[in-house]
Amino acid sequence: MNWPDITQFEATVGRLATKEDTNKNRASFLLQSKDGQRIGKPIEMELPCFALFHDEDCDEPKRTVIFQAEEADGIKYFGGWLIDDETQIVGYDTDFEIIKIK
């Protein structure tokens, strides 16, 4: 299985994502309260990183690059890029299996 060069992906690191980050594929979501106020904090981890996304509607895990990790109200959210589907993804940390590619 061939994986892309991880350096071709930008990430949102050490801060909450902005609208510009979502527009430039550095983030997939903005955490906000019901009244539109930004909430949460960034999760300290190495980004971007490779992962497998486990979708309950699909038998096979999907190759993913995670480029955003934020937490709010005790819930951890990851944003990334589904490599084969060429689209953004948002999920809980438990939906992803981070892997190391040599």
PDB file of N, CA and C in Angstrom:
ATOM      1  N   MET A   1       0.843  -1.176   0.000  1.00  0.00           N
ATOM      2  CA  MET A   1       0.000   0.000   0.000  1.00  0.00           C
ATOM      3  C   MET A   1       0.893   1.245   0.000  1.00  0.00           C
ATOM      4  N   ASN A   2       0.723   2.093  -0.991  1.00  0.00           N
ATOM      5  CA  ASN A   2       1.511   3.312  -1.093  1.00  0.00           C
ATOM      6  C   ASN A   2       0.825   4.461  -0.347  1.00  0.00           C
ATOM      7  N   TRP A   3       1.601   5.137   0.467  1.00  0.00           N
ATOM      8  CA  TRP A   3       1.106   6.304   1.206  1.00  0.00           C
ATOM      9  C   TRP A   3       1.745   7.554   0.612  1.00  0.00           C
ATOM     10  N   PRO A   4       1.040   8.676   0.609  1.00  0.00           N
ATOM     11  CA  PRO A   4       1.618   9.909   0.065  1.00  0.00           C
ATOM     12  C   PRO A   4       2.710  10.457   0.982  1.00  0.00           C
ATOM     13  N   ASP A   5       3.458  11.395   0.459  1.00  0.00           N
ATOM     14  CA  ASP A   5       4.479  12.085   1.240  1.00  0.00           C
ATOM     15  C   ASP A   5       3.779  12.961   2.284  1.00  0.00           C
ATOM     16  N   ILE A   6       4.014  12.700   3.552  1.00  0.00           N
ATOM     17  CA  ILE A   6       3.335  13.423   4.627  1.00  0.00           C
ATOM     18  C   ILE A   6       3.651  14.918   4.600  1.00  0.00           C
ATOM     19  N   THR A   7       4.789  15.280   4.038  1.00  0.00           N
ATOM     20  CA  THR A   7       5.170  16.698   4.031  1.00  0.00           C
ATOM     21  C   THR A   7       4.321  17.534   3.075  1.00  0.00           C
ATOM     22  N   GLN A   8       3.519  16.899   2.234  1.00  0.00           N
ATOM     23  CA  GLN A   8       2.657  17.666   1.334  1.00  0.00           C
ATOM     24  C   GLN A   8       1.391  18.162   2.034  1.00  0.00           C
ATOM     25  N   PHE A   9       1.185  17.743   3.285  1.00  0.00           N
ATOM     26  CA  PHE A   9       0.000  18.136   4.034  1.00  0.00           C
ATOM     27  C   PHE A   9       0.355  19.152   5.113  1.00  0.00           C
ATOM     28  N   GLU A  10      -0.367  20.262   5.125  1.00  0.00           N
ATOM     29  CA  GLU A  10      -0.205  21.247   6.186  1.00  0.00           C
ATOM     30  C   GLU A  10      -1.118  20.859   7.332  1.00  0.00           C
ATOM     31  N   ALA A  11      -0.793  21.333   8.534  1.00  0.00           N
ATOM     32  CA  ALA A  11      -1.596  20.997   9.709  1.00  0.00           C
ATOM     33  C   ALA A  11      -1.824  22.236  10.565  1.00  0.00           C
ATOM     34  N   THR A  12      -2.855  22.153  11.392  1.00  0.00           N
ATOM     35  CA  THR A  12      -3.133  23.181  12.386  1.00  0.00           C
ATOM     36  C   THR A  12      -2.575  22.668  13.704  1.00  0.00           C
ATOM     37  N   VAL A  13      -1.500  23.298  14.188  1.00  0.00           N
ATOM     38  CA  VAL A  13      -0.774  22.808  15.353  1.00  0.00           C
ATOM     39  C   VAL A  13      -0.680  23.900  16.415  1.00  0.00           C
ATOM     40  N   GLY A  14      -0.980  23.547  17.675  1.00  0.00           N
ATOM     41  CA  GLY A  14      -0.770  24.447  18.795  1.00  0.00           C
ATOM     42  C   GLY A  14      -1.786  25.570  18.940  1.00  0.00           C
ATOM     43  N   ARG A  15      -2.864  25.519  18.178  1.00  0.00           N
ATOM     44  CA  ARG A  15      -3.895  26.563  18.254  1.00  0.00           C
ATOM     45  C   ARG A  15      -5.191  26.002  17.696  1.00  0.00           C
ATOM     46  N   LEU A  16      -6.294  26.700  17.973  1.00  0.00           N
ATOM     47  CA  LEU A  16      -7.564  26.308  17.378  1.00  0.00           C
ATOM     48  C   LEU A  16      -7.578  26.676  15.904  1.00  0.00           C
ATOM     49  N   ALA A  17      -8.256  25.902  15.116  1.00  0.00           N
ATOM     50  CA  ALA A  17      -8.359  26.147  13.676  1.00  0.00           C
ATOM     51  C   ALA A  17      -9.179  27.407  13.402  1.00  0.00           C
ATOM     52  N   THR A  18      -8.881  28.010  12.272  1.00  0.00           N
ATOM     53  CA  THR A  18      -9.620  29.182  11.804  1.00  0.00           C
ATOM     54  C   THR A  18     -10.377  28.828  10.533  1.00  0.00           C
ATOM     55  N   LYS A  19     -11.257  29.717  10.115  1.00  0.00           N
ATOM     56  CA  LYS A  19     -11.980  29.534   8.853  1.00  0.00           C
ATOM     57  C   LYS A  19     -10.982  29.419   7.696  1.00  0.00           C
ATOM     58  N   GLU A  20      -9.927  30.219   7.742  1.00  0.00           N
ATOM     59  CA  GLU A  20      -8.895  30.142   6.699  1.00  0.00           C
ATOM     60  C   GLU A  20      -8.256  28.754   6.662  1.00  0.00           C
ATOM     61  N   ASP A  21      -8.023  28.150   7.839  1.00  0.00           N
ATOM     62  CA  ASP A  21      -7.460  26.798   7.884  1.00  0.00           C
ATOM     63  C   ASP A  21      -8.376  25.798   7.190  1.00  0.00           C
ATOM     64  N   THR A  22      -9.689  25.920   7.413  1.00  0.00           N
ATOM     65  CA  THR A  22     -10.622  24.987   6.759  1.00  0.00           C
ATOM     66  C   THR A  22     -10.637  25.217   5.250  1.00  0.00           C
ATOM     67  N   ASN A  23     -10.540  26.467   4.831  1.00  0.00           N
ATOM     68  CA  ASN A  23     -10.528  26.773   3.398  1.00  0.00           C
ATOM     69  C   ASN A  23      -9.279  26.250   2.699  1.00  0.00           C
ATOM     70  N   LYS A  24      -8.160  26.162   3.434  1.00  0.00           N
ATOM     71  CA  LYS A  24      -6.887  25.732   2.845  1.00  0.00           C
ATOM     72  C   LYS A  24      -6.548  24.280   3.176  1.00  0.00           C
ATOM     73  N   ASN A  25      -7.550  23.496   3.621  1.00  0.00           N
ATOM     74  CA  ASN A  25      -7.363  22.077   3.944  1.00  0.00           C
ATOM     75  C   ASN A  25      -6.297  21.833   5.008  1.00  0.00           C
ATOM     76  N   ARG A  26      -6.199  22.750   5.979  1.00  0.00           N
ATOM     77  CA  ARG A  26      -5.346  22.533   7.153  1.00  0.00           C
ATOM     78  C   ARG A  26      -6.196  22.129   8.349  1.00  0.00           C
ATOM     79  N   ALA A  27      -7.517  22.198   8.177  1.00  0.00           N
ATOM     80  CA  ALA A  27      -8.462  21.846   9.234  1.00  0.00           C
ATOM     81  C   ALA A  27      -9.785  21.449   8.587  1.00  0.00           C
ATOM     82  N   SER A  28     -10.561  20.655   9.320  1.00  0.00           N
ATOM     83  CA  SER A  28     -11.846  20.175   8.802  1.00  0.00           C
ATOM     84  C   SER A  28     -13.045  20.713   9.568  1.00  0.00           C
ATOM     85  N   PHE A  29     -12.801  21.361  10.715  1.00  0.00           N
ATOM     86  CA  PHE A  29     -13.924  21.806  11.535  1.00  0.00           C
ATOM     87  C   PHE A  29     -13.530  22.998  12.404  1.00  0.00           C
ATOM     88  N   LEU A  30     -14.543  23.684  12.915  1.00  0.00           N
ATOM     89  CA  LEU A  30     -14.397  24.751  13.900  1.00  0.00           C
ATOM     90  C   LEU A  30     -15.301  24.402  15.074  1.00  0.00           C
ATOM     91  N   LEU A  31     -14.733  24.251  16.261  1.00  0.00           N
ATOM     92  CA  LEU A  31     -15.545  23.961  17.435  1.00  0.00           C
ATOM     93  C   LEU A  31     -16.153  25.255  17.949  1.00  0.00           C
ATOM     94  N   GLN A  32     -17.490  25.259  18.090  1.00  0.00           N
ATOM     95  CA  GLN A  32     -18.198  26.451  18.537  1.00  0.00           C
ATOM     96  C   GLN A  32     -19.321  26.061  19.486  1.00  0.00           C
ATOM     97  N   SER A  33     -19.638  26.977  20.395  1.00  0.00           N
ATOM     98  CA  SER A  33     -20.795  26.781  21.269  1.00  0.00           C
ATOM     99  C   SER A  33     -22.065  27.066  20.468  1.00  0.00           C
ATOM    100  N   LYS A  34     -23.212  26.826  21.066  1.00  0.00           N
ATOM    101  CA  LYS A  34     -24.479  27.059  20.374  1.00  0.00           C
ATOM    102  C   LYS A  34     -24.670  28.515  19.970  1.00  0.00           C
ATOM    103  N   ASP A  35     -24.026  29.426  20.723  1.00  0.00           N
ATOM    104  CA  ASP A  35     -24.163  30.848  20.374  1.00  0.00           C
ATOM    105  C   ASP A  35     -23.031  31.333  19.462  1.00  0.00           C
ATOM    106  N   GLY A  36     -22.240  30.401  18.931  1.00  0.00           N
ATOM    107  CA  GLY A  36     -21.224  30.754  17.949  1.00  0.00           C
ATOM    108  C   GLY A  36     -19.856  31.107  18.507  1.00  0.00           C
ATOM    109  N   GLN A  37     -19.674  31.019  19.822  1.00  0.00           N
ATOM    110  CA  GLN A  37     -18.377  31.314  20.431  1.00  0.00           C
ATOM    111  C   GLN A  37     -17.430  30.121  20.237  1.00  0.00           C
ATOM    112  N   ARG A  38     -16.176  30.416  19.964  1.00  0.00           N
ATOM    113  CA  ARG A  38     -15.167  29.359  19.814  1.00  0.00           C
ATOM    114  C   ARG A  38     -14.940  28.676  21.157  1.00  0.00           C
ATOM    115  N   ILE A  39     -14.848  27.365  21.146  1.00  0.00           N
ATOM    116  CA  ILE A  39     -14.589  26.588  22.352  1.00  0.00           C
ATOM    117  C   ILE A  39     -13.477  25.598  22.065  1.00  0.00           C
ATOM    118  N   GLY A  40     -12.976  24.997  23.124  1.00  0.00           N
ATOM    119  CA  GLY A  40     -12.005  23.926  22.979  1.00  0.00           C
ATOM    120  C   GLY A  40     -10.575  24.385  23.111  1.00  0.00           C
ATOM    121  N   LYS A  41      -9.710  23.405  22.930  1.00  0.00           N
ATOM    122  CA  LYS A  41      -8.268  23.648  22.964  1.00  0.00           C
ATOM    123  C   LYS A  41      -7.601  22.634  22.045  1.00  0.00           C
ATOM    124  N   PRO A  42      -6.428  22.996  21.516  1.00  0.00           N
ATOM    125  CA  PRO A  42      -5.726  22.046  20.652  1.00  0.00           C
ATOM    126  C   PRO A  42      -5.183  20.869  21.472  1.00  0.00           C
ATOM    127  N   ILE A  43      -5.120  19.723  20.847  1.00  0.00           N
ATOM    128  CA  ILE A  43      -4.528  18.537  21.474  1.00  0.00           C
ATOM    129  C   ILE A  43      -3.062  18.487  21.061  1.00  0.00           C
ATOM    130  N   GLU A  44      -2.193  18.301  22.030  1.00  0.00           N
ATOM    131  CA  GLU A  44      -0.767  18.207  21.723  1.00  0.00           C
ATOM    132  C   GLU A  44      -0.453  16.825  21.166  1.00  0.00           C
ATOM    133  N   MET A  45      -0.123  16.799  19.889  1.00  0.00           N
ATOM    134  CA  MET A  45       0.289  15.560  19.233  1.00  0.00           C
ATOM    135  C   MET A  45       1.021  15.927  17.944  1.00  0.00           C
ATOM    136  N   GLU A  46       1.747  14.982  17.413  1.00  0.00           N
ATOM    137  CA  GLU A  46       2.480  15.213  16.172  1.00  0.00           C
ATOM    138  C   GLU A  46       1.501  15.246  15.003  1.00  0.00           C
ATOM    139  N   LEU A  47       1.471  16.370  14.309  1.00  0.00           N
ATOM    140  CA  LEU A  47       0.598  16.546  13.144  1.00  0.00           C
ATOM    141  C   LEU A  47       1.399  17.133  11.996  1.00  0.00           C
ATOM    142  N   PRO A  48       1.102  16.776  10.780  1.00  0.00           N
ATOM    143  CA  PRO A  48       0.152  15.762  10.346  1.00  0.00           C
ATOM    144  C   PRO A  48       0.668  14.355  10.652  1.00  0.00           C
ATOM    145  N   CYS A  49      -0.254  13.406  10.688  1.00  0.00           N
ATOM    146  CA  CYS A  49       0.132  12.015  10.899  1.00  0.00           C
ATOM    147  C   CYS A  49      -0.816  11.112  10.114  1.00  0.00           C
ATOM    148  N   PHE A  50      -0.340   9.905   9.855  1.00  0.00           N
ATOM    149  CA  PHE A  50      -1.153   8.928   9.145  1.00  0.00           C
ATOM    150  C   PHE A  50      -2.041   8.165  10.124  1.00  0.00           C
ATOM    151  N   ALA A  51      -3.208   7.760   9.647  1.00  0.00           N
ATOM    152  CA  ALA A  51      -4.136   6.986  10.465  1.00  0.00           C
ATOM    153  C   ALA A  51      -5.041   6.154   9.570  1.00  0.00           C
ATOM    154  N   LEU A  52      -5.698   5.225  10.194  1.00  0.00           N
ATOM    155  CA  LEU A  52      -6.772   4.482   9.540  1.00  0.00           C
ATOM    156  C   LEU A  52      -8.068   4.926  10.193  1.00  0.00           C
ATOM    157  N   PHE A  53      -9.033   5.330   9.369  1.00  0.00           N
ATOM    158  CA  PHE A  53     -10.338   5.749   9.853  1.00  0.00           C
ATOM    159  C   PHE A  53     -11.268   4.550   9.810  1.00  0.00           C
ATOM    160  N   HIS A  54     -11.853   4.229  10.953  1.00  0.00           N
ATOM    161  CA  HIS A  54     -12.763   3.091  11.052  1.00  0.00           C
ATOM    162  C   HIS A  54     -14.194   3.613  11.036  1.00  0.00           C
ATOM    163  N   ASP A  55     -14.864   3.366   9.924  1.00  0.00           N
ATOM    164  CA  ASP A  55     -16.238   3.807   9.713  1.00  0.00           C
ATOM    165  C   ASP A  55     -17.152   2.602   9.877  1.00  0.00           C
ATOM    166  N   GLU A  56     -18.152   2.727  10.735  1.00  0.00           N
ATOM    167  CA  GLU A  56     -19.049   1.594  10.971  1.00  0.00           C
ATOM    168  C   GLU A  56     -19.837   1.189   9.729  1.00  0.00           C
ATOM    169  N   ASP A  57     -19.928   2.083   8.738  1.00  0.00           N
ATOM    170  CA  ASP A  57     -20.654   1.778   7.502  1.00  0.00           C
ATOM    171  C   ASP A  57     -19.774   1.137   6.429  1.00  0.00           C
ATOM    172  N   CYS A  58     -18.499   0.952   6.733  1.00  0.00           N
ATOM    173  CA  CYS A  58     -17.556   0.421   5.744  1.00  0.00           C
ATOM    174  C   CYS A  58     -16.756  -0.719   6.378  1.00  0.00           C
ATOM    175  N   ASP A  59     -16.603  -1.813   5.652  1.00  0.00           N
ATOM    176  CA  ASP A  59     -15.882  -2.967   6.188  1.00  0.00           C
ATOM    177  C   ASP A  59     -14.388  -2.719   6.332  1.00  0.00           C
ATOM    178  N   GLU A  60     -13.820  -1.964   5.414  1.00  0.00           N
ATOM    179  CA  GLU A  60     -12.383  -1.723   5.399  1.00  0.00           C
ATOM    180  C   GLU A  60     -12.060  -0.336   5.973  1.00  0.00           C
ATOM    181  N   PRO A  61     -11.005  -0.227   6.804  1.00  0.00           N
ATOM    182  CA  PRO A  61     -10.602   1.099   7.280  1.00  0.00           C
ATOM    183  C   PRO A  61     -10.095   1.947   6.120  1.00  0.00           C
ATOM    184  N   LYS A  62     -10.224   3.257   6.267  1.00  0.00           N
ATOM    185  CA  LYS A  62      -9.826   4.180   5.202  1.00  0.00           C
ATOM    186  C   LYS A  62      -8.530   4.898   5.568  1.00  0.00           C
ATOM    187  N   ARG A  63      -7.620   4.944   4.591  1.00  0.00           N
ATOM    188  CA  ARG A  63      -6.339   5.635   4.798  1.00  0.00           C
ATOM    189  C   ARG A  63      -6.595   7.126   4.957  1.00  0.00           C
ATOM    190  N   THR A  64      -5.981   7.705   5.985  1.00  0.00           N
ATOM    191  CA  THR A  64      -6.257   9.091   6.352  1.00  0.00           C
ATOM    192  C   THR A  64      -4.976   9.804   6.750  1.00  0.00           C
ATOM    193  N   VAL A  65      -4.946  11.114   6.511  1.00  0.00           N
ATOM    194  CA  VAL A  65      -3.943  11.988   7.100  1.00  0.00           C
ATOM    195  C   VAL A  65      -4.686  12.880   8.092  1.00  0.00           C
ATOM    196  N   ILE A  66      -4.312  12.806   9.356  1.00  0.00           N
ATOM    197  CA  ILE A  66      -4.901  13.691  10.365  1.00  0.00           C
ATOM    198  C   ILE A  66      -4.087  14.971  10.396  1.00  0.00           C
ATOM    199  N   PHE A  67      -4.779  16.115  10.248  1.00  0.00           N
ATOM    200  CA  PHE A  67      -4.081  17.403  10.291  1.00  0.00           C
ATOM    201  C   PHE A  67      -4.668  18.370  11.310  1.00  0.00           C
ATOM    202  N   GLN A  68      -5.609  17.905  12.112  1.00  0.00           N
ATOM    203  CA  GLN A  68      -6.219  18.750  13.133  1.00  0.00           C
ATOM    204  C   GLN A  68      -6.654  17.874  14.299  1.00  0.00           C
ATOM    205  N   ALA A  69      -6.412  18.351  15.528  1.00  0.00           N
ATOM    206  CA  ALA A  69      -6.821  17.632  16.734  1.00  0.00           C
ATOM    207  C   ALA A  69      -7.195  18.649  17.799  1.00  0.00           C
ATOM    208  N   GLU A  70      -8.472  18.643  18.207  1.00  0.00           N
ATOM    209  CA  GLU A  70      -8.952  19.589  19.207  1.00  0.00           C
ATOM    210  C   GLU A  70      -9.866  18.865  20.192  1.00  0.00           C
ATOM    211  N   GLU A  71      -9.991  19.445  21.370  1.00  0.00           N
ATOM    212  CA  GLU A  71     -10.801  18.852  22.428  1.00  0.00           C
ATOM    213  C   GLU A  71     -11.740  19.897  23.000  1.00  0.00           C
ATOM    214  N   ALA A  72     -12.969  19.486  23.286  1.00  0.00           N
ATOM    215  CA  ALA A  72     -13.942  20.360  23.947  1.00  0.00           C
ATOM    216  C   ALA A  72     -14.875  19.495  24.784  1.00  0.00           C
ATOM    217  N   ASP A  73     -15.157  19.941  25.983  1.00  0.00           N
ATOM    218  CA  ASP A  73     -16.078  19.234  26.882  1.00  0.00           C
ATOM    219  C   ASP A  73     -15.704  17.765  27.071  1.00  0.00           C
ATOM    220  N   GLY A  74     -14.396  17.494  27.112  1.00  0.00           N
ATOM    221  CA  GLY A  74     -13.921  16.138  27.340  1.00  0.00           C
ATOM    222  C   GLY A  74     -13.973  15.224  26.133  1.00  0.00           C
ATOM    223  N   ILE A  75     -14.336  15.757  24.982  1.00  0.00           N
ATOM    224  CA  ILE A  75     -14.416  14.960  23.757  1.00  0.00           C
ATOM    225  C   ILE A  75     -13.291  15.390  22.819  1.00  0.00           C
ATOM    226  N   LYS A  76     -12.578  14.421  22.261  1.00  0.00           N
ATOM    227  CA  LYS A  76     -11.473  14.692  21.345  1.00  0.00           C
ATOM    228  C   LYS A  76     -11.939  14.487  19.912  1.00  0.00           C
ATOM    229  N   TYR A  77     -11.679  15.494  19.080  1.00  0.00           N
ATOM    230  CA  TYR A  77     -12.073  15.478  17.666  1.00  0.00           C
ATOM    231  C   TYR A  77     -10.830  15.538  16.791  1.00  0.00           C
ATOM    232  N   PHE A  78     -10.826  14.744  15.737  1.00  0.00           N
ATOM    233  CA  PHE A  78      -9.756  14.778  14.745  1.00  0.00           C
ATOM    234  C   PHE A  78     -10.340  15.190  13.398  1.00  0.00           C
ATOM    235  N   GLY A  79      -9.581  15.970  12.668  1.00  0.00           N
ATOM    236  CA  GLY A  79      -9.930  16.327  11.304  1.00  0.00           C
ATOM    237  C   GLY A  79      -8.822  15.882  10.388  1.00  0.00           C
ATOM    238  N   GLY A  80      -9.195  15.490   9.187  1.00  0.00           N
ATOM    239  CA  GLY A  80      -8.167  15.016   8.284  1.00  0.00           C
ATOM    240  C   GLY A  80      -8.655  14.863   6.862  1.00  0.00           C
ATOM    241  N   TRP A  81      -7.868  14.142   6.105  1.00  0.00           N
ATOM    242  CA  TRP A  81      -8.080  13.953   4.678  1.00  0.00           C
ATOM    243  C   TRP A  81      -8.137  12.458   4.399  1.00  0.00           C
ATOM    244  N   LEU A  82      -9.251  12.000   3.814  1.00  0.00           N
ATOM    245  CA  LEU A  82      -9.341  10.617   3.366  1.00  0.00           C
ATOM    246  C   LEU A  82      -8.579  10.502   2.047  1.00  0.00           C
ATOM    247  N   ILE A  83      -7.493   9.801   2.075  1.00  0.00           N
ATOM    248  CA  ILE A  83      -6.569   9.769   0.939  1.00  0.00           C
ATOM    249  C   ILE A  83      -7.237   9.246  -0.330  1.00  0.00           C
ATOM    250  N   ASP A  84      -7.902   8.121  -0.236  1.00  0.00           N
ATOM    251  CA  ASP A  84      -8.479   7.510  -1.435  1.00  0.00           C
ATOM    252  C   ASP A  84      -9.775   8.173  -1.893  1.00  0.00           C
ATOM    253  N   ASP A  85     -10.528   8.735  -0.962  1.00  0.00           N
ATOM    254  CA  ASP A  85     -11.784   9.418  -1.302  1.00  0.00           C
ATOM    255  C   ASP A  85     -11.564  10.879  -1.680  1.00  0.00           C
ATOM    256  N   GLU A  86     -10.372  11.390  -1.376  1.00  0.00           N
ATOM    257  CA  GLU A  86     -10.001  12.785  -1.656  1.00  0.00           C
ATOM    258  C   GLU A  86     -11.033  13.762  -1.106  1.00  0.00           C
ATOM    259  N   THR A  87     -11.326  13.594   0.191  1.00  0.00           N
ATOM    260  CA  THR A  87     -12.271  14.473   0.859  1.00  0.00           C
ATOM    261  C   THR A  87     -11.895  14.606   2.335  1.00  0.00           C
ATOM    262  N   GLN A  88     -12.368  15.671   2.962  1.00  0.00           N
ATOM    263  CA  GLN A  88     -12.111  15.866   4.378  1.00  0.00           C
ATOM    264  C   GLN A  88     -12.977  14.952   5.226  1.00  0.00           C
ATOM    265  N   ILE A  89     -12.501  14.701   6.451  1.00  0.00           N
ATOM    266  CA  ILE A  89     -13.223  13.862   7.399  1.00  0.00           C
ATOM    267  C   ILE A  89     -13.108  14.478   8.789  1.00  0.00           C
ATOM    268  N   VAL A  90     -14.160  14.337   9.581  1.00  0.00           N
ATOM    269  CA  VAL A  90     -14.154  14.724  10.994  1.00  0.00           C
ATOM    270  C   VAL A  90     -14.659  13.533  11.786  1.00  0.00           C
ATOM    271  N   GLY A  91     -13.991  13.217  12.869  1.00  0.00           N
ATOM    272  CA  GLY A  91     -14.442  12.114  13.712  1.00  0.00           C
ATOM    273  C   GLY A  91     -13.895  12.247  15.112  1.00  0.00           C
ATOM    274  N   TYR A  92     -14.348  11.362  15.970  1.00  0.00           N
ATOM    275  CA  TYR A  92     -13.811  11.293  17.326  1.00  0.00           C
ATOM    276  C   TYR A  92     -12.461  10.596  17.291  1.00  0.00           C
ATOM    277  N   ASP A  93     -11.638  10.838  18.285  1.00  0.00           N
ATOM    278  CA  ASP A  93     -10.324  10.198  18.322  1.00  0.00           C
ATOM    279  C   ASP A  93     -10.443   8.672  18.273  1.00  0.00           C
ATOM    280  N   THR A  94     -11.518   8.136  18.824  1.00  0.00           N
ATOM    281  CA  THR A  94     -11.702   6.682  18.848  1.00  0.00           C
ATOM    282  C   THR A  94     -12.043   6.093  17.477  1.00  0.00           C
ATOM    283  N   ASP A  95     -12.343   6.954  16.494  1.00  0.00           N
ATOM    284  CA  ASP A  95     -12.631   6.498  15.134  1.00  0.00           C
ATOM    285  C   ASP A  95     -11.359   6.242  14.326  1.00  0.00           C
ATOM    286  N   PHE A  96     -10.220   6.671  14.860  1.00  0.00           N
ATOM    287  CA  PHE A  96      -8.959   6.627  14.122  1.00  0.00           C
ATOM    288  C   PHE A  96      -7.938   5.743  14.822  1.00  0.00           C
ATOM    289  N   GLU A  97      -7.137   5.083  14.026  1.00  0.00           N
ATOM    290  CA  GLU A  97      -6.001   4.306  14.503  1.00  0.00           C
ATOM    291  C   GLU A  97      -4.742   4.943  13.909  1.00  0.00           C
ATOM    292  N   ILE A  98      -3.988   5.651  14.731  1.00  0.00           N
ATOM    293  CA  ILE A  98      -2.781   6.317  14.251  1.00  0.00           C
ATOM    294  C   ILE A  98      -1.723   5.258  13.954  1.00  0.00           C
ATOM    295  N   ILE A  99      -1.096   5.399  12.795  1.00  0.00           N
ATOM    296  CA  ILE A  99      -0.083   4.423  12.386  1.00  0.00           C
ATOM    297  C   ILE A  99       1.203   5.135  11.998  1.00  0.00           C
ATOM    298  N   LYS A 100       2.289   4.403  12.101  1.00  0.00           N
ATOM    299  CA  LYS A 100       3.606   4.908  11.695  1.00  0.00           C
ATOM    300  C   LYS A 100       3.957   4.274  10.362  1.00  0.00           C
ATOM    301  N   ILE A 101       4.355   5.098   9.419  1.00  0.00           N
ATOM    302  CA  ILE A 101       4.792   4.619   8.111  1.00  0.00           C
ATOM    303  C   ILE A 101       6.296   4.834   8.037  1.00  0.00           C
ATOM    304  N   LYS A 102       7.026   3.806   7.685  1.00  0.00           N
ATOM    305  CA  LYS A 102       8.484   3.917   7.602  1.00  0.00           C
ATOM    306  C   LYS A 102       8.917   4.322   6.229  1.00  0.00           C
TER     307      LYS A 102
END
